[in-house]
Amino acid sequence: MEATISLRTGTAAGTLLSILPNLFSEDVLKTIILAALGATVSFTVSLLLKWIIKYKNK
């Protein structure tokens, strides 16, 4: 059975619309803040590890 674009779009829209009423604005804001914090920590740790490896290889 071949999935058409309208079937995929309908499934995605239905899933989104069924989840949307369960989201609260506080949860979305908290998720955005935690995602930004996680990305910042990940970037900082990767820079730190890169610096340590560069320092040890000298």
Protein backbone atom coordinates (compact mmCIF):
# COMPACT_ATOMS: atom_id res chain seq x y z
CA MET A 1 0.00 0.00 0.00
CA GLU A 2 1.48 3.31 -1.06
CA ALA A 3 1.26 6.24 1.34
CA THR A 4 0.29 9.40 -0.48
CA ILE A 5 1.20 12.92 0.56
CA SER A 6 -2.37 13.62 1.66
CA LEU A 7 -2.33 10.57 3.94
CA ARG A 8 0.98 11.67 5.49
CA THR A 9 -0.25 15.23 5.90
CA GLY A 10 -3.51 14.09 7.43
CA THR A 11 -1.74 11.79 9.87
CA ALA A 12 0.72 14.49 10.92
CA ALA A 13 -2.02 17.10 11.31
CA GLY A 14 -4.21 14.71 13.30
CA THR A 15 -1.34 13.84 15.61
CA LEU A 16 -0.49 17.50 16.14
CA LEU A 17 -4.11 18.45 16.79
CA SER A 18 -4.53 15.63 19.30
CA ILE A 19 -1.41 16.69 21.21
CA LEU A 20 -2.02 20.45 21.04
CA PRO A 21 -4.79 20.66 23.70
CA ASN A 22 -2.57 18.82 26.19
CA LEU A 23 0.25 21.34 25.97
CA PHE A 24 0.33 24.15 28.46
CA SER A 25 2.20 27.39 27.81
CA GLU A 26 4.37 26.85 30.90
CA ASP A 27 5.50 23.49 29.55
CA VAL A 28 6.38 24.96 26.18
CA LEU A 29 8.35 27.80 27.78
CA LYS A 30 10.13 25.38 30.11
CA THR A 31 10.96 23.11 27.17
CA ILE A 32 12.38 26.04 25.17
CA ILE A 33 14.52 27.17 28.12
CA LEU A 34 15.80 23.66 28.82
CA ALA A 35 16.59 23.08 25.14
CA ALA A 36 18.57 26.32 24.98
CA LEU A 37 20.40 25.44 28.18
CA GLY A 38 21.19 21.95 26.92
CA ALA A 39 22.49 23.27 23.60
CA THR A 40 24.68 25.81 25.39
CA VAL A 41 26.14 23.22 27.75
CA SER A 42 26.73 20.78 24.90
CA PHE A 43 28.52 23.44 22.84
CA THR A 44 30.66 24.52 25.80
CA VAL A 45 31.67 20.96 26.65
CA SER A 46 32.55 20.20 23.03
CA LEU A 47 34.76 23.32 22.89
CA LEU A 48 36.39 22.35 26.18
CA LEU A 49 37.09 18.81 24.98
CA LYS A 50 38.46 20.12 21.70
CA TRP A 51 40.80 22.43 23.59
CA ILE A 52 41.94 19.60 25.92
CA ILE A 53 42.66 17.27 22.99
CA LYS A 54 44.54 20.01 21.15
CA TYR A 55 46.57 20.80 24.29
CA LYS A 56 47.45 17.13 24.93
CA ASN A 57 48.53 16.54 21.32
CA LYS A 58 51.16 19.30 21.48
